[in-house]
Amino acid sequence: MKSDTKGAPMQVNTTTIPGLTFAIQIEEVNYRDSLGRLICYLASLYRLDPKTQARHLVRRSRIPGAAAAMKHEFQRDGIQAFRRLEATA
């Protein structure tokens, strides 16, 4: 059985926020069908090791728009947001 429906390509948006001791990477995966309906959404927050560039998963969300909320948290709280993550990671 063959399907003729062609979906839109998967979009992956990555934002890196540099810090003094480590960096934060916010990755947003957004996949929609040909009609624009949401099929899959995933926002992941990673802590980047400055020496090895290894990514350590800190937070993950499947709620659409969560990546924007994570970015806003770092813009609003600045160094305090980094300290909260440093304590949990």
C-alpha atoms as a PDB file:
ATOM      1  CA  MET A   1       0.000   0.000   0.000  1.00  0.00           C
ATOM      2  CA  LYS A   2       1.428   3.328  -1.063  1.00  0.00           C
ATOM      3  CA  SER A   3       0.542   6.723   0.317  1.00  0.00           C
ATOM      4  CA  ASP A   4       0.589   9.827  -1.876  1.00  0.00           C
ATOM      5  CA  THR A   5       0.434  12.339   0.939  1.00  0.00           C
ATOM      6  CA  LYS A   6       3.570  14.380   1.315  1.00  0.00           C
ATOM      7  CA  GLY A   7       4.189  15.980   4.676  1.00  0.00           C
ATOM      8  CA  ALA A   8       6.152  19.116   5.296  1.00  0.00           C
ATOM      9  CA  PRO A   9       9.749  18.525   6.316  1.00  0.00           C
ATOM     10  CA  MET A  10      10.591  18.318   9.973  1.00  0.00           C
ATOM     11  CA  GLN A  11      11.837  21.637  11.342  1.00  0.00           C
ATOM     12  CA  VAL A  12      14.572  21.653  13.975  1.00  0.00           C
ATOM     13  CA  ASN A  13      15.378  25.022  15.571  1.00  0.00           C
ATOM     14  CA  THR A  14      18.423  25.226  17.827  1.00  0.00           C
ATOM     15  CA  THR A  15      19.276  28.150  20.102  1.00  0.00           C
ATOM     16  CA  THR A  16      22.508  28.293  22.105  1.00  0.00           C
ATOM     17  CA  ILE A  17      22.747  30.606  25.104  1.00  0.00           C
ATOM     18  CA  PRO A  18      26.357  31.055  26.285  1.00  0.00           C
ATOM     19  CA  GLY A  19      27.205  31.218  29.971  1.00  0.00           C
ATOM     20  CA  LEU A  20      30.365  31.666  32.011  1.00  0.00           C
ATOM     21  CA  THR A  21      30.793  28.041  33.133  1.00  0.00           C
ATOM     22  CA  PHE A  22      28.554  26.224  30.643  1.00  0.00           C
ATOM     23  CA  ALA A  23      26.196  26.922  27.760  1.00  0.00           C
ATOM     24  CA  ILE A  24      22.540  26.016  27.312  1.00  0.00           C
ATOM     25  CA  GLN A  25      21.165  24.632  24.059  1.00  0.00           C
ATOM     26  CA  ILE A  26      17.424  24.688  23.395  1.00  0.00           C
ATOM     27  CA  GLU A  27      16.328  22.373  20.592  1.00  0.00           C
ATOM     28  CA  GLU A  28      12.804  22.526  19.186  1.00  0.00           C
ATOM     29  CA  VAL A  29      11.489  19.818  16.835  1.00  0.00           C
ATOM     30  CA  ASN A  30       8.305  20.706  14.964  1.00  0.00           C
ATOM     31  CA  TYR A  31       6.725  18.352  12.413  1.00  0.00           C
ATOM     32  CA  ARG A  32       3.515  19.181  10.534  1.00  0.00           C
ATOM     33  CA  ASP A  33       1.487  17.447   7.837  1.00  0.00           C
ATOM     34  CA  SER A  34       0.758  18.911   4.390  1.00  0.00           C
ATOM     35  CA  LEU A  35      -2.293  20.778   5.745  1.00  0.00           C
ATOM     36  CA  GLY A  36      -0.253  22.434   8.486  1.00  0.00           C
ATOM     37  CA  ARG A  37      -1.591  20.344  11.366  1.00  0.00           C
ATOM     38  CA  LEU A  38       0.847  19.507  14.137  1.00  0.00           C
ATOM     39  CA  ILE A  39       2.029  15.886  14.143  1.00  0.00           C
ATOM     40  CA  CYS A  40       4.942  16.030  16.564  1.00  0.00           C
ATOM     41  CA  TYR A  41       6.463  18.672  18.847  1.00  0.00           C
ATOM     42  CA  LEU A  42       9.380  18.291  21.229  1.00  0.00           C
ATOM     43  CA  ALA A  43      11.415  20.928  23.067  1.00  0.00           C
ATOM     44  CA  SER A  44      14.628  19.823  24.779  1.00  0.00           C
ATOM     45  CA  LEU A  45      16.966  21.800  27.017  1.00  0.00           C
ATOM     46  CA  TYR A  46      20.586  20.640  27.088  1.00  0.00           C
ATOM     47  CA  ARG A  47      23.574  21.703  29.187  1.00  0.00           C
ATOM     48  CA  LEU A  48      26.695  21.887  26.990  1.00  0.00           C
ATOM     49  CA  ASP A  49      30.009  20.915  28.543  1.00  0.00           C
ATOM     50  CA  PRO A  50      32.560  23.615  27.579  1.00  0.00           C
ATOM     51  CA  LYS A  51      35.493  21.191  27.189  1.00  0.00           C
ATOM     52  CA  THR A  52      33.921  18.270  25.331  1.00  0.00           C
ATOM     53  CA  GLN A  53      30.763  19.897  23.875  1.00  0.00           C
ATOM     54  CA  ALA A  54      28.832  16.901  25.251  1.00  0.00           C
ATOM     55  CA  ARG A  55      25.095  17.535  25.615  1.00  0.00           C
ATOM     56  CA  HIS A  56      23.396  16.589  28.888  1.00  0.00           C
ATOM     57  CA  LEU A  57      19.584  16.574  28.825  1.00  0.00           C
ATOM     58  CA  VAL A  58      18.170  18.802  31.571  1.00  0.00           C
ATOM     59  CA  ARG A  59      14.515  19.272  30.631  1.00  0.00           C
ATOM     60  CA  ARG A  60      12.122  18.026  27.943  1.00  0.00           C
ATOM     61  CA  SER A  61       8.587  19.072  27.038  1.00  0.00           C
ATOM     62  CA  ARG A  62       5.993  18.001  24.477  1.00  0.00           C
ATOM     63  CA  ILE A  63       3.789  21.055  25.039  1.00  0.00           C
ATOM     64  CA  PRO A  64       3.788  23.286  21.908  1.00  0.00           C
ATOM     65  CA  GLY A  65       5.523  26.582  22.601  1.00  0.00           C
ATOM     66  CA  ALA A  66       7.648  25.240  25.458  1.00  0.00           C
ATOM     67  CA  ALA A  67      10.904  26.237  23.734  1.00  0.00           C
ATOM     68  CA  ALA A  68       9.805  29.878  23.686  1.00  0.00           C
ATOM     69  CA  ALA A  69       8.998  29.664  27.405  1.00  0.00           C
ATOM     70  CA  MET A  70      12.462  28.208  28.112  1.00  0.00           C
ATOM     71  CA  LYS A  71      14.151  31.006  26.118  1.00  0.00           C
ATOM     72  CA  HIS A  72      12.038  33.627  27.903  1.00  0.00           C
ATOM     73  CA  GLU A  73      13.064  32.188  31.281  1.00  0.00           C
ATOM     74  CA  PHE A  74      16.752  32.761  30.461  1.00  0.00           C
ATOM     75  CA  GLN A  75      16.128  36.246  29.069  1.00  0.00           C
ATOM     76  CA  ARG A  76      14.087  37.214  32.132  1.00  0.00           C
ATOM     77  CA  ASP A  77      16.157  35.626  34.923  1.00  0.00           C
ATOM     78  CA  GLY A  78      19.651  35.717  33.417  1.00  0.00           C
ATOM     79  CA  ILE A  79      22.320  34.287  35.698  1.00  0.00           C
ATOM     80  CA  GLN A  80      19.732  33.013  38.194  1.00  0.00           C
ATOM     81  CA  ALA A  81      18.327  30.637  35.560  1.00  0.00           C
ATOM     82  CA  PHE A  82      21.838  29.277  34.951  1.00  0.00           C
ATOM     83  CA  ARG A  83      22.355  28.790  38.697  1.00  0.00           C
ATOM     84  CA  ARG A  84      19.088  26.859  39.015  1.00  0.00           C
ATOM     85  CA  LEU A  85      20.223  24.534  36.224  1.00  0.00           C
ATOM     86  CA  GLU A  86      23.711  24.215  37.694  1.00  0.00           C
ATOM     87  CA  ALA A  87      22.160  22.998  40.949  1.00  0.00           C
ATOM     88  CA  THR A  88      20.014  20.376  39.189  1.00  0.00           C
ATOM     89  CA  ALA A  89      22.573  19.179  36.620  1.00  0.00           C
END
